[in-house]
Amino acid sequence: GIEFSPDNSKLYVGLLRQGKVFQYNMAAGTPAAILASEIRLDPFTG
């Protein structure tokens, strides 16, 4: 699953297998900075 925020500043990616949901800050600038902004959002850990 993929989706952009309404203001296009965030990219969300969901994993079907080994399931997780990540947010990426598209306004961070460089690709390296965007990748470094990765944060996991879903509460299903462990």
All heavy atoms as atom14 arrays in JSON, in Angstrom:
{
  "sequence": "GIEFSPDNSKLYVGLLRQGKVFQYNMAAGTPAAILASEIRLDPFTG",
  "atom14_mask": [
    [1, 1, 1, 1, 0, 0, 0, 0, 0, 0, 0, 0, 0, 0],
    [1, 1, 1, 1, 1, 1, 1, 1, 0, 0, 0, 0, 0, 0],
    [1, 1, 1, 1, 1, 1, 1, 1, 1, 0, 0, 0, 0, 0],
    [1, 1, 1, 1, 1, 1, 1, 1, 1, 1, 1, 0, 0, 0],
    [1, 1, 1, 1, 1, 1, 0, 0, 0, 0, 0, 0, 0, 0],
    [1, 1, 1, 1, 1, 1, 1, 0, 0, 0, 0, 0, 0, 0],
    [1, 1, 1, 1, 1, 1, 1, 1, 0, 0, 0, 0, 0, 0],
    [1, 1, 1, 1, 1, 1, 1, 1, 0, 0, 0, 0, 0, 0],
    [1, 1, 1, 1, 1, 1, 0, 0, 0, 0, 0, 0, 0, 0],
    [1, 1, 1, 1, 1, 1, 1, 1, 1, 0, 0, 0, 0, 0],
    [1, 1, 1, 1, 1, 1, 1, 1, 0, 0, 0, 0, 0, 0],
    [1, 1, 1, 1, 1, 1, 1, 1, 1, 1, 1, 1, 0, 0],
    [1, 1, 1, 1, 1, 1, 1, 0, 0, 0, 0, 0, 0, 0],
    [1, 1, 1, 1, 0, 0, 0, 0, 0, 0, 0, 0, 0, 0],
    [1, 1, 1, 1, 1, 1, 1, 1, 0, 0, 0, 0, 0, 0],
    [1, 1, 1, 1, 1, 1, 1, 1, 0, 0, 0, 0, 0, 0],
    [1, 1, 1, 1, 1, 1, 1, 1, 1, 1, 1, 0, 0, 0],
    [1, 1, 1, 1, 1, 1, 1, 1, 1, 0, 0, 0, 0, 0],
    [1, 1, 1, 1, 0, 0, 0, 0, 0, 0, 0, 0, 0, 0],
    [1, 1, 1, 1, 1, 1, 1, 1, 1, 0, 0, 0, 0, 0],
    [1, 1, 1, 1, 1, 1, 1, 0, 0, 0, 0, 0, 0, 0],
    [1, 1, 1, 1, 1, 1, 1, 1, 1, 1, 1, 0, 0, 0],
    [1, 1, 1, 1, 1, 1, 1, 1, 1, 0, 0, 0, 0, 0],
    [1, 1, 1, 1, 1, 1, 1, 1, 1, 1, 1, 1, 0, 0],
    [1, 1, 1, 1, 1, 1, 1, 1, 0, 0, 0, 0, 0, 0],
    [1, 1, 1, 1, 1, 1, 1, 1, 0, 0, 0, 0, 0, 0],
    [1, 1, 1, 1, 1, 0, 0, 0, 0, 0, 0, 0, 0, 0],
    [1, 1, 1, 1, 1, 0, 0, 0, 0, 0, 0, 0, 0, 0],
    [1, 1, 1, 1, 0, 0, 0, 0, 0, 0, 0, 0, 0, 0],
    [1, 1, 1, 1, 1, 1, 1, 0, 0, 0, 0, 0, 0, 0],
    [1, 1, 1, 1, 1, 1, 1, 0, 0, 0, 0, 0, 0, 0],
    [1, 1, 1, 1, 1, 0, 0, 0, 0, 0, 0, 0, 0, 0],
    [1, 1, 1, 1, 1, 0, 0, 0, 0, 0, 0, 0, 0, 0],
    [1, 1, 1, 1, 1, 1, 1, 1, 0, 0, 0, 0, 0, 0],
    [1, 1, 1, 1, 1, 1, 1, 1, 0, 0, 0, 0, 0, 0],
    [1, 1, 1, 1, 1, 0, 0, 0, 0, 0, 0, 0, 0, 0],
    [1, 1, 1, 1, 1, 1, 0, 0, 0, 0, 0, 0, 0, 0],
    [1, 1, 1, 1, 1, 1, 1, 1, 1, 0, 0, 0, 0, 0],
    [1, 1, 1, 1, 1, 1, 1, 1, 0, 0, 0, 0, 0, 0],
    [1, 1, 1, 1, 1, 1, 1, 1, 1, 1, 1, 0, 0, 0],
    [1, 1, 1, 1, 1, 1, 1, 1, 0, 0, 0, 0, 0, 0],
    [1, 1, 1, 1, 1, 1, 1, 1, 0, 0, 0, 0, 0, 0],
    [1, 1, 1, 1, 1, 1, 1, 0, 0, 0, 0, 0, 0, 0],
    [1, 1, 1, 1, 1, 1, 1, 1, 1, 1, 1, 0, 0, 0],
    [1, 1, 1, 1, 1, 1, 1, 0, 0, 0, 0, 0, 0, 0],
    [1, 1, 1, 1, 0, 0, 0, 0, 0, 0, 0, 0, 0, 0]
  ],
  "atom14_positions": [
    [[0.82, -1.21, 0.0], [0.0, 0.0, 0.0], [0.85, 1.25, 0.0], [1.87, 1.32, 0.69], [0.0, 0.0, 0.0], [0.0, 0.0, 0.0], [0.0, 0.0, 0.0], [0.0, 0.0, 0.0], [0.0, 0.0, 0.0], [0.0, 0.0, 0.0], [0.0, 0.0, 0.0], [0.0, 0.0, 0.0], [0.0, 0.0, 0.0], [0.0, 0.0, 0.0]],
    [[0.44, 2.26, -0.79], [1.16, 3.53, -0.89], [0.14, 4.66, -0.89], [-0.91, 4.55, -1.52], [2.01, 3.61, -2.18], [3.11, 2.56, -2.2], [2.61, 5.0, -2.36], [3.9, 2.53, -3.49], [0.0, 0.0, 0.0], [0.0, 0.0, 0.0], [0.0, 0.0, 0.0], [0.0, 0.0, 0.0], [0.0, 0.0, 0.0], [0.0, 0.0, 0.0]],
    [[0.46, 5.74, -0.2], [-0.38, 6.93, -0.28], [0.41, 8.17, 0.14], [1.34, 8.08, 0.96], [-1.61, 6.79, 0.61], [-2.67, 7.86, 0.4], [-3.14, 8.0, -1.03], [-2.41, 8.62, -1.83], [-4.23, 7.48, -1.37], [0.0, 0.0, 0.0], [0.0, 0.0, 0.0], [0.0, 0.0, 0.0], [0.0, 0.0, 0.0], [0.0, 0.0, 0.0]],
    [[0.05, 9.32, -0.46], [0.63, 10.61, -0.11], [-0.34, 11.37, 0.79], [-1.57, 11.21, 0.68], [0.91, 11.44, -1.37], [2.08, 10.96, -2.18], [1.92, 9.98, -3.15], [3.34, 11.51, -1.99], [3.0, 9.55, -3.9], [4.42, 11.09, -2.74], [4.26, 10.11, -3.7], [0.0, 0.0, 0.0], [0.0, 0.0, 0.0], [0.0, 0.0, 0.0]],
    [[0.21, 12.21, 1.65], [-0.61, 13.07, 2.48], [-1.29, 14.12, 1.61], [-0.85, 14.38, 0.48], [0.24, 13.75, 3.55], [1.23, 14.58, 2.96], [0.0, 0.0, 0.0], [0.0, 0.0, 0.0], [0.0, 0.0, 0.0], [0.0, 0.0, 0.0], [0.0, 0.0, 0.0], [0.0, 0.0, 0.0], [0.0, 0.0, 0.0], [0.0, 0.0, 0.0]],
    [[-2.36, 14.76, 2.1], [-3.06, 15.76, 1.28], [-2.15, 16.88, 0.79], [-2.33, 17.38, -0.32], [-4.15, 16.29, 2.22], [-4.41, 15.17, 3.16], [-3.07, 14.5, 3.36], [0.0, 0.0, 0.0], [0.0, 0.0, 0.0], [0.0, 0.0, 0.0], [0.0, 0.0, 0.0], [0.0, 0.0, 0.0], [0.0, 0.0, 0.0], [0.0, 0.0, 0.0]],
    [[-1.18, 17.29, 1.62], [-0.29, 18.38, 1.21], [0.97, 17.88, 0.5], [1.87, 18.66, 0.23], [0.09, 19.25, 2.41], [0.98, 18.52, 3.42], [1.23, 17.31, 3.23], [1.41, 19.16, 4.39], [0.0, 0.0, 0.0], [0.0, 0.0, 0.0], [0.0, 0.0, 0.0], [0.0, 0.0, 0.0], [0.0, 0.0, 0.0], [0.0, 0.0, 0.0]],
    [[1.02, 16.57, 0.23], [2.11, 15.94, -0.54], [3.44, 15.9, 0.21], [4.46, 15.51, -0.37], [2.32, 16.65, -1.89], [1.03, 16.84, -2.64], [0.35, 15.88, -2.97], [0.66, 18.09, -2.9], [0.0, 0.0, 0.0], [0.0, 0.0, 0.0], [0.0, 0.0, 0.0], [0.0, 0.0, 0.0], [0.0, 0.0, 0.0], [0.0, 0.0, 0.0]],
    [[3.46, 16.29, 1.48], [4.72, 16.36, 2.22], [5.13, 15.03, 2.82], [6.29, 14.86, 3.2], [4.62, 17.41, 3.33], [3.74, 16.98, 4.36], [0.0, 0.0, 0.0], [0.0, 0.0, 0.0], [0.0, 0.0, 0.0], [0.0, 0.0, 0.0], [0.0, 0.0, 0.0], [0.0, 0.0, 0.0], [0.0, 0.0, 0.0], [0.0, 0.0, 0.0]],
    [[4.2, 14.08, 2.91], [4.51, 12.79, 3.54], [4.12, 11.66, 2.59], [3.12, 11.74, 1.86], [3.75, 12.62, 4.85], [3.89, 13.77, 5.84], [5.29, 13.96, 6.33], [5.38, 15.02, 7.4], [5.01, 16.37, 6.95], [0.0, 0.0, 0.0], [0.0, 0.0, 0.0], [0.0, 0.0, 0.0], [0.0, 0.0, 0.0], [0.0, 0.0, 0.0]],
    [[4.93, 10.61, 2.61], [4.65, 9.39, 1.87], [4.46, 8.26, 2.88], [5.28, 8.11, 3.8], [5.79, 9.04, 0.91], [5.67, 7.71, 0.17], [4.52, 7.75, -0.83], [6.98, 7.36, -0.54], [0.0, 0.0, 0.0], [0.0, 0.0, 0.0], [0.0, 0.0, 0.0], [0.0, 0.0, 0.0], [0.0, 0.0, 0.0], [0.0, 0.0, 0.0]],
    [[3.41, 7.48, 2.7], [3.12, 6.36, 3.59], [3.24, 5.05, 2.8], [2.77, 4.97, 1.66], [1.73, 6.49, 4.18], [1.6, 7.68, 5.13], [1.27, 8.94, 4.63], [1.82, 7.53, 6.49], [1.17, 10.03, 5.5], [1.73, 8.62, 7.35], [1.41, 9.86, 6.84], [1.31, 10.94, 7.69], [0.0, 0.0, 0.0], [0.0, 0.0, 0.0]],
    [[3.87, 4.06, 3.43], [4.03, 2.75, 2.8], [3.62, 1.68, 3.81], [4.06, 1.7, 4.97], [5.48, 2.51, 2.36], [5.64, 1.1, 1.78], [5.91, 3.54, 1.32], [0.0, 0.0, 0.0], [0.0, 0.0, 0.0], [0.0, 0.0, 0.0], [0.0, 0.0, 0.0], [0.0, 0.0, 0.0], [0.0, 0.0, 0.0], [0.0, 0.0, 0.0]],
    [[2.78, 0.75, 3.38], [2.38, -0.38, 4.21], [2.93, -1.68, 3.65], [2.93, -1.9, 2.44], [0.0, 0.0, 0.0], [0.0, 0.0, 0.0], [0.0, 0.0, 0.0], [0.0, 0.0, 0.0], [0.0, 0.0, 0.0], [0.0, 0.0, 0.0], [0.0, 0.0, 0.0], [0.0, 0.0, 0.0], [0.0, 0.0, 0.0], [0.0, 0.0, 0.0]],
    [[3.41, -2.54, 4.54], [3.97, -3.83, 4.13], [2.92, -4.91, 4.29], [2.3, -5.04, 5.35], [5.19, -4.18, 4.98], [6.35, -3.16, 5.01], [7.53, -3.74, 5.79], [6.77, -2.76, 3.61], [0.0, 0.0, 0.0], [0.0, 0.0, 0.0], [0.0, 0.0, 0.0], [0.0, 0.0, 0.0], [0.0, 0.0, 0.0], [0.0, 0.0, 0.0]],
    [[2.73, -5.68, 3.24], [1.76, -6.77, 3.26], [2.3, -7.97, 4.05], [1.59, -8.58, 4.84], [1.42, -7.2, 1.84], [0.33, -8.26, 1.7], [-1.01, -7.73, 2.15], [0.25, -8.75, 0.26], [0.0, 0.0, 0.0], [0.0, 0.0, 0.0], [0.0, 0.0, 0.0], [0.0, 0.0, 0.0], [0.0, 0.0, 0.0], [0.0, 0.0, 0.0]],
    [[3.54, -8.29, 3.83], [4.2, -9.37, 4.59], [5.22, -8.74, 5.53], [5.83, -7.74, 5.2], [4.87, -10.37, 3.65], [3.88, -11.04, 2.68], [4.55, -12.09, 1.84], [3.61, -12.67, 0.87], [3.48, -12.25, -0.38], [4.23, -11.25, -0.82], [2.62, -12.82, -1.19], [0.0, 0.0, 0.0], [0.0, 0.0, 0.0], [0.0, 0.0, 0.0]],
    [[5.39, -9.33, 6.71], [6.19, -8.7, 7.77], [5.62, -7.31, 8.05], [6.33, -6.32, 8.12], [7.67, -8.62, 7.38], [8.29, -9.93, 6.95], [8.32, -10.95, 8.07], [8.56, -10.63, 9.22], [8.07, -12.21, 7.71], [0.0, 0.0, 0.0], [0.0, 0.0, 0.0], [0.0, 0.0, 0.0], [0.0, 0.0, 0.0], [0.0, 0.0, 0.0]],
    [[4.31, -7.28, 8.22], [3.54, -6.04, 8.15], [3.98, -4.91, 9.06], [4.15, -5.08, 10.27], [0.0, 0.0, 0.0], [0.0, 0.0, 0.0], [0.0, 0.0, 0.0], [0.0, 0.0, 0.0], [0.0, 0.0, 0.0], [0.0, 0.0, 0.0], [0.0, 0.0, 0.0], [0.0, 0.0, 0.0], [0.0, 0.0, 0.0], [0.0, 0.0, 0.0]],
    [[4.14, -3.74, 8.46], [4.47, -2.5, 9.16], [3.91, -1.36, 8.33], [3.65, -1.51, 7.13], [5.98, -2.31, 9.33], [6.72, -3.45, 10.03], [8.22, -3.21, 10.02], [8.99, -4.35, 10.66], [8.94, -5.59, 9.85], [0.0, 0.0, 0.0], [0.0, 0.0, 0.0], [0.0, 0.0, 0.0], [0.0, 0.0, 0.0], [0.0, 0.0, 0.0]],
    [[3.76, -0.18, 8.95], [3.39, 1.03, 8.23], [4.42, 2.09, 8.53], [4.72, 2.38, 9.7], [1.98, 1.54, 8.62], [1.69, 2.86, 7.92], [0.92, 0.51, 8.26], [0.0, 0.0, 0.0], [0.0, 0.0, 0.0], [0.0, 0.0, 0.0], [0.0, 0.0, 0.0], [0.0, 0.0, 0.0], [0.0, 0.0, 0.0], [0.0, 0.0, 0.0]],
    [[4.99, 2.69, 7.46], [6.05, 3.69, 7.61], [5.59, 5.03, 7.04], [4.8, 5.1, 6.1], [7.31, 3.26, 6.86], [7.96, 2.02, 7.43], [7.9, 0.82, 6.74], [8.65, 2.07, 8.63], [8.5, -0.32, 7.24], [9.26, 0.93, 9.15], [9.19, -0.27, 8.45], [0.0, 0.0, 0.0], [0.0, 0.0, 0.0], [0.0, 0.0, 0.0]],
    [[6.15, 6.1, 7.61], [5.99, 7.44, 7.08], [7.36, 7.97, 6.65], [8.36, 7.74, 7.32], [5.41, 8.38, 8.14], [5.19, 9.82, 7.65], [5.03, 10.8, 8.8], [6.0, 11.2, 9.44], [3.78, 11.18, 9.06], [0.0, 0.0, 0.0], [0.0, 0.0, 0.0], [0.0, 0.0, 0.0], [0.0, 0.0, 0.0], [0.0, 0.0, 0.0]],
    [[7.39, 8.68, 5.51], [8.6, 9.32, 5.0], [8.31, 10.79, 4.76], [7.27, 11.13, 4.18], [9.07, 8.64, 3.71], [9.36, 7.17, 3.89], [8.34, 6.22, 3.72], [10.62, 6.73, 4.25], [8.58, 4.87, 3.9], [10.87, 5.37, 4.44], [9.85, 4.45, 4.26], [10.09, 3.12, 4.46], [0.0, 0.0, 0.0], [0.0, 0.0, 0.0]],
    [[9.23, 11.64, 5.18], [9.07, 13.08, 5.02], [9.61, 13.51, 3.66], [10.81, 13.66, 3.47], [9.79, 13.83, 6.13], [9.58, 15.33, 6.06], [8.82, 15.82, 5.21], [10.24, 16.07, 6.93], [0.0, 0.0, 0.0], [0.0, 0.0, 0.0], [0.0, 0.0, 0.0], [0.0, 0.0, 0.0], [0.0, 0.0, 0.0], [0.0, 0.0, 0.0]],
    [[8.7, 13.7, 2.7], [9.12, 14.07, 1.34], [9.67, 15.48, 1.27], [10.32, 15.85, 0.29], [7.92, 13.93, 0.39], [7.37, 12.52, 0.27], [8.58, 11.38, -0.43], [8.72, 12.04, -2.1], [0.0, 0.0, 0.0], [0.0, 0.0, 0.0], [0.0, 0.0, 0.0], [0.0, 0.0, 0.0], [0.0, 0.0, 0.0], [0.0, 0.0, 0.0]],
    [[9.43, 16.28, 2.31], [9.95, 17.65, 2.35], [11.34, 17.72, 2.96], [11.91, 18.81, 3.1], [9.0, 18.55, 3.13], [0.0, 0.0, 0.0], [0.0, 0.0, 0.0], [0.0, 0.0, 0.0], [0.0, 0.0, 0.0], [0.0, 0.0, 0.0], [0.0, 0.0, 0.0], [0.0, 0.0, 0.0], [0.0, 0.0, 0.0], [0.0, 0.0, 0.0]],
    [[11.92, 16.56, 3.3], [13.24, 16.55, 3.95], [14.35, 17.02, 3.02], [15.41, 17.44, 3.48], [13.54, 15.15, 4.49], [0.0, 0.0, 0.0], [0.0, 0.0, 0.0], [0.0, 0.0, 0.0], [0.0, 0.0, 0.0], [0.0, 0.0, 0.0], [0.0, 0.0, 0.0], [0.0, 0.0, 0.0], [0.0, 0.0, 0.0], [0.0, 0.0, 0.0]],
    [[14.12, 16.93, 1.71], [15.11, 17.43, 0.76], [15.69, 16.33, -0.1], [15.05, 15.85, -1.04], [0.0, 0.0, 0.0], [0.0, 0.0, 0.0], [0.0, 0.0, 0.0], [0.0, 0.0, 0.0], [0.0, 0.0, 0.0], [0.0, 0.0, 0.0], [0.0, 0.0, 0.0], [0.0, 0.0, 0.0], [0.0, 0.0, 0.0], [0.0, 0.0, 0.0]],
    [[16.87, 15.87, 0.21], [17.57, 14.88, -0.6], [16.98, 13.5, -0.38], [16.34, 13.24, 0.66], [19.05, 14.86, -0.23], [19.2, 14.41, 1.13], [19.68, 16.24, -0.39], [0.0, 0.0, 0.0], [0.0, 0.0, 0.0], [0.0, 0.0, 0.0], [0.0, 0.0, 0.0], [0.0, 0.0, 0.0], [0.0, 0.0, 0.0], [0.0, 0.0, 0.0]],
    [[17.19, 12.59, -1.33], [16.74, 11.21, -1.09], [17.29, 10.63, 0.2], [16.57, 9.94, 0.92], [17.27, 10.47, -2.33], [17.27, 11.5, -3.4], [17.67, 12.77, -2.72], [0.0, 0.0, 0.0], [0.0, 0.0, 0.0], [0.0, 0.0, 0.0], [0.0, 0.0, 0.0], [0.0, 0.0, 0.0], [0.0, 0.0, 0.0], [0.0, 0.0, 0.0]],
    [[18.55, 10.92, 0.51], [19.14, 10.4, 1.75], [18.39, 10.92, 2.97], [18.13, 10.18, 3.93], [20.61, 10.77, 1.83], [0.0, 0.0, 0.0], [0.0, 0.0, 0.0], [0.0, 0.0, 0.0], [0.0, 0.0, 0.0], [0.0, 0.0, 0.0], [0.0, 0.0, 0.0], [0.0, 0.0, 0.0], [0.0, 0.0, 0.0], [0.0, 0.0, 0.0]],
    [[18.02, 12.19, 2.94], [17.29, 12.77, 4.07], [15.88, 12.19, 4.17], [15.36, 11.98, 5.27], [17.24, 14.29, 3.92], [0.0, 0.0, 0.0], [0.0, 0.0, 0.0], [0.0, 0.0, 0.0], [0.0, 0.0, 0.0], [0.0, 0.0, 0.0], [0.0, 0.0, 0.0], [0.0, 0.0, 0.0], [0.0, 0.0, 0.0], [0.0, 0.0, 0.0]],
    [[15.25, 11.95, 3.02], [13.92, 11.33, 3.02], [13.98, 9.93, 3.62], [13.16, 9.56, 4.46], [13.34, 11.3, 1.6], [13.08, 12.73, 1.1], [12.06, 10.47, 1.55], [12.69, 12.81, -0.36], [0.0, 0.0, 0.0], [0.0, 0.0, 0.0], [0.0, 0.0, 0.0], [0.0, 0.0, 0.0], [0.0, 0.0, 0.0], [0.0, 0.0, 0.0]],
    [[14.97, 9.15, 3.22], [15.12, 7.8, 3.75], [15.41, 7.84, 5.25], [14.92, 7.01, 6.02], [16.24, 7.07, 3.01], [16.0, 6.8, 1.53], [17.23, 6.19, 0.88], [14.79, 5.9, 1.33], [0.0, 0.0, 0.0], [0.0, 0.0, 0.0], [0.0, 0.0, 0.0], [0.0, 0.0, 0.0], [0.0, 0.0, 0.0], [0.0, 0.0, 0.0]],
    [[16.2, 8.81, 5.68], [16.54, 8.93, 7.1], [15.36, 9.34, 7.95], [15.37, 9.16, 9.18], [17.68, 9.93, 7.28], [0.0, 0.0, 0.0], [0.0, 0.0, 0.0], [0.0, 0.0, 0.0], [0.0, 0.0, 0.0], [0.0, 0.0, 0.0], [0.0, 0.0, 0.0], [0.0, 0.0, 0.0], [0.0, 0.0, 0.0], [0.0, 0.0, 0.0]],
    [[14.32, 9.89, 7.32], [13.14, 10.35, 8.07], [12.17, 9.22, 8.38], [11.14, 9.45, 9.03], [12.42, 11.44, 7.27], [11.73, 10.88, 6.15], [0.0, 0.0, 0.0], [0.0, 0.0, 0.0], [0.0, 0.0, 0.0], [0.0, 0.0, 0.0], [0.0, 0.0, 0.0], [0.0, 0.0, 0.0], [0.0, 0.0, 0.0], [0.0, 0.0, 0.0]],
    [[12.46, 8.01, 7.94], [11.54, 6.88, 8.12], [11.15, 6.71, 9.59], [12.0, 6.7, 10.48], [12.19, 5.59, 7.61], [11.33, 4.35, 7.82], [12.05, 3.07, 7.43], [12.05, 2.73, 6.24], [12.65, 2.43, 8.33], [0.0, 0.0, 0.0], [0.0, 0.0, 0.0], [0.0, 0.0, 0.0], [0.0, 0.0, 0.0], [0.0, 0.0, 0.0]],
    [[9.86, 6.57, 9.82], [9.36, 6.27, 11.16], [8.23, 5.27, 11.04], [7.37, 5.37, 10.16], [8.89, 7.55, 11.9], [8.42, 7.19, 13.31], [7.81, 8.28, 11.11], [8.15, 8.41, 14.17], [0.0, 0.0, 0.0], [0.0, 0.0, 0.0], [0.0, 0.0, 0.0], [0.0, 0.0, 0.0], [0.0, 0.0, 0.0], [0.0, 0.0, 0.0]],
    [[8.25, 4.28, 11.92], [7.18, 3.29, 11.92], [6.01, 3.8, 12.75], [6.2, 4.34, 13.85], [7.69, 1.96, 12.48], [6.62, 0.86, 12.46], [7.16, -0.47, 12.94], [6.07, -1.45, 12.99], [6.23, -2.71, 13.4], [7.43, -3.15, 13.76], [5.2, -3.54, 13.44], [0.0, 0.0, 0.0], [0.0, 0.0, 0.0], [0.0, 0.0, 0.0]],
    [[4.8, 3.62, 12.24], [3.62, 4.19, 12.87], [2.71, 3.18, 13.53], [2.07, 3.48, 14.54], [2.8, 4.97, 11.83], [3.5, 6.14, 11.14], [2.6, 6.68, 10.05], [3.85, 7.22, 12.14], [0.0, 0.0, 0.0], [0.0, 0.0, 0.0], [0.0, 0.0, 0.0], [0.0, 0.0, 0.0], [0.0, 0.0, 0.0], [0.0, 0.0, 0.0]],
    [[2.57, 1.99, 12.98], [1.59, 1.05, 13.51], [2.03, 0.56, 14.89], [3.22, 0.52, 15.2], [1.42, -0.12, 12.54], [2.66, -0.99, 12.5], [3.62, -0.61, 11.79], [2.7, -2.03, 13.17], [0.0, 0.0, 0.0], [0.0, 0.0, 0.0], [0.0, 0.0, 0.0], [0.0, 0.0, 0.0], [0.0, 0.0, 0.0], [0.0, 0.0, 0.0]],
    [[1.06, 0.16, 15.73], [1.4, -0.27, 17.09], [1.73, -1.74, 17.23], [1.97, -2.2, 18.34], [0.11, 0.06, 17.85], [-0.97, -0.17, 16.85], [-0.39, 0.26, 15.52], [0.0, 0.0, 0.0], [0.0, 0.0, 0.0], [0.0, 0.0, 0.0], [0.0, 0.0, 0.0], [0.0, 0.0, 0.0], [0.0, 0.0, 0.0], [0.0, 0.0, 0.0]],
    [[1.76, -2.49, 16.14], [1.91, -3.93, 16.22], [3.39, -4.31, 16.19], [3.97, -4.53, 15.13], [1.15, -4.61, 15.08], [-0.29, -4.25, 15.05], [-0.79, -3.39, 14.08], [-1.17, -4.76, 16.0], [-2.13, -3.05, 14.05], [-2.52, -4.42, 15.98], [-3.0, -3.57, 15.01], [0.0, 0.0, 0.0], [0.0, 0.0, 0.0], [0.0, 0.0, 0.0]],
    [[3.99, -4.36, 17.33], [5.42, -4.61, 17.43], [5.67, -6.04, 17.89], [4.75, -6.83, 18.09], [6.07, -3.63, 18.4], [5.43, -3.76, 19.68], [5.92, -2.21, 17.91], [0.0, 0.0, 0.0], [0.0, 0.0, 0.0], [0.0, 0.0, 0.0], [0.0, 0.0, 0.0], [0.0, 0.0, 0.0], [0.0, 0.0, 0.0], [0.0, 0.0, 0.0]],
    [[6.95, -6.37, 18.08], [7.31, -7.69, 18.55], [7.1, -8.74, 17.49], [7.4, -8.55, 16.31], [0.0, 0.0, 0.0], [0.0, 0.0, 0.0], [0.0, 0.0, 0.0], [0.0, 0.0, 0.0], [0.0, 0.0, 0.0], [0.0, 0.0, 0.0], [0.0, 0.0, 0.0], [0.0, 0.0, 0.0], [0.0, 0.0, 0.0], [0.0, 0.0, 0.0]]
  ]
}
